[in-house]
Amino acid sequence: MGGRGDLSGFAELDCETSDLPTGLIVGTATITACTRNNGHYECHFTDVERLEHPHRPKRMLQPVWFKPF
């Protein structure tokens, strides 16, 4: 898929954005690097694994690392 806001890859996957779960934790990954490209930051992931069953967070939206301002 392309950059941010580019939905062209969904046709290739025969998928609509409404088909995807929202508000759920669907997998885990390790962030190995964060780089800046054209004024935007890009996170690089390894050890990406999809959970067998999505989980609903019990507290914050991203309970592991999200900290409100």
Protein backbone atom coordinates (compact mmCIF):
# COMPACT_ATOMS: atom_id res chain seq x y z
CA MET A 1 0.00 0.00 0.00
CA GLY A 2 1.02 3.58 -0.48
CA GLY A 3 1.44 6.39 1.98
CA ARG A 4 -0.85 7.81 4.58
CA GLY A 5 -4.43 8.20 3.34
CA ASP A 6 -3.76 6.01 0.27
CA LEU A 7 -6.54 3.41 0.09
CA SER A 8 -5.54 1.88 -3.27
CA GLY A 9 -4.24 -1.32 -1.65
CA PHE A 10 -7.68 -2.28 -0.38
CA ALA A 11 -8.90 -3.14 -3.89
CA GLU A 12 -5.87 -5.40 -4.30
CA LEU A 13 -6.80 -7.18 -1.04
CA ASP A 14 -10.51 -7.33 -1.96
CA CYS A 15 -11.22 -5.53 1.31
CA GLU A 16 -13.06 -2.41 2.45
CA THR A 17 -11.96 -0.20 5.34
CA SER A 18 -15.29 -1.00 7.04
CA ASP A 19 -14.30 -4.71 7.08
CA LEU A 20 -11.48 -4.04 9.54
CA PRO A 21 -11.87 -4.08 13.34
CA THR A 22 -11.70 -0.77 15.17
CA GLY A 23 -10.97 -0.11 18.83
CA LEU A 24 -9.37 -3.53 19.27
CA ILE A 25 -5.84 -4.81 19.77
CA VAL A 26 -5.28 -7.11 16.80
CA GLY A 27 -1.63 -8.00 17.22
CA THR A 28 1.77 -7.28 18.69
CA ALA A 29 5.03 -5.93 17.30
CA THR A 30 8.41 -4.63 18.40
CA ILE A 31 9.25 -1.07 17.31
CA THR A 32 12.90 -1.31 16.21
CA ALA A 33 13.41 2.16 14.74
CA CYS A 34 11.70 5.46 14.11
CA THR A 35 12.89 7.58 11.18
CA ARG A 36 11.84 10.89 9.69
CA ASN A 37 10.91 11.02 6.01
CA ASN A 38 9.59 14.15 4.26
CA GLY A 39 8.49 15.68 7.56
CA HIS A 40 6.68 12.53 8.74
CA TYR A 41 7.88 9.94 11.22
CA GLU A 42 7.90 6.27 10.23
CA CYS A 43 8.00 3.44 12.74
CA HIS A 44 9.78 0.24 11.71
CA PHE A 45 8.48 -3.02 13.19
CA THR A 46 9.82 -6.54 13.69
CA ASP A 47 8.34 -9.61 15.36
CA VAL A 48 4.87 -8.72 14.04
CA GLU A 49 2.24 -11.25 15.12
CA ARG A 50 -1.53 -11.23 14.62
CA LEU A 51 -3.54 -12.32 17.65
CA GLU A 52 -5.86 -15.28 17.14
CA HIS A 53 -8.70 -13.31 18.75
CA PRO A 54 -8.68 -9.48 18.95
CA HIS A 55 -8.77 -8.01 22.48
CA ARG A 56 -10.69 -4.96 23.66
CA PRO A 57 -8.48 -2.68 25.81
CA LYS A 58 -9.60 -2.41 29.43
CA ARG A 59 -8.35 1.12 30.14
CA MET A 60 -6.56 3.53 27.79
CA LEU A 61 -6.75 3.25 24.01
CA GLN A 62 -3.15 2.01 23.81
CA PRO A 63 -2.69 0.59 27.33
CA VAL A 64 0.97 -0.35 27.02
CA TRP A 65 2.64 2.85 25.84
CA PHE A 66 0.08 5.64 25.39
CA LYS A 67 0.38 8.42 27.98
CA PRO A 68 -1.97 11.40 27.82
CA PHE A 69 -0.36 14.83 27.58
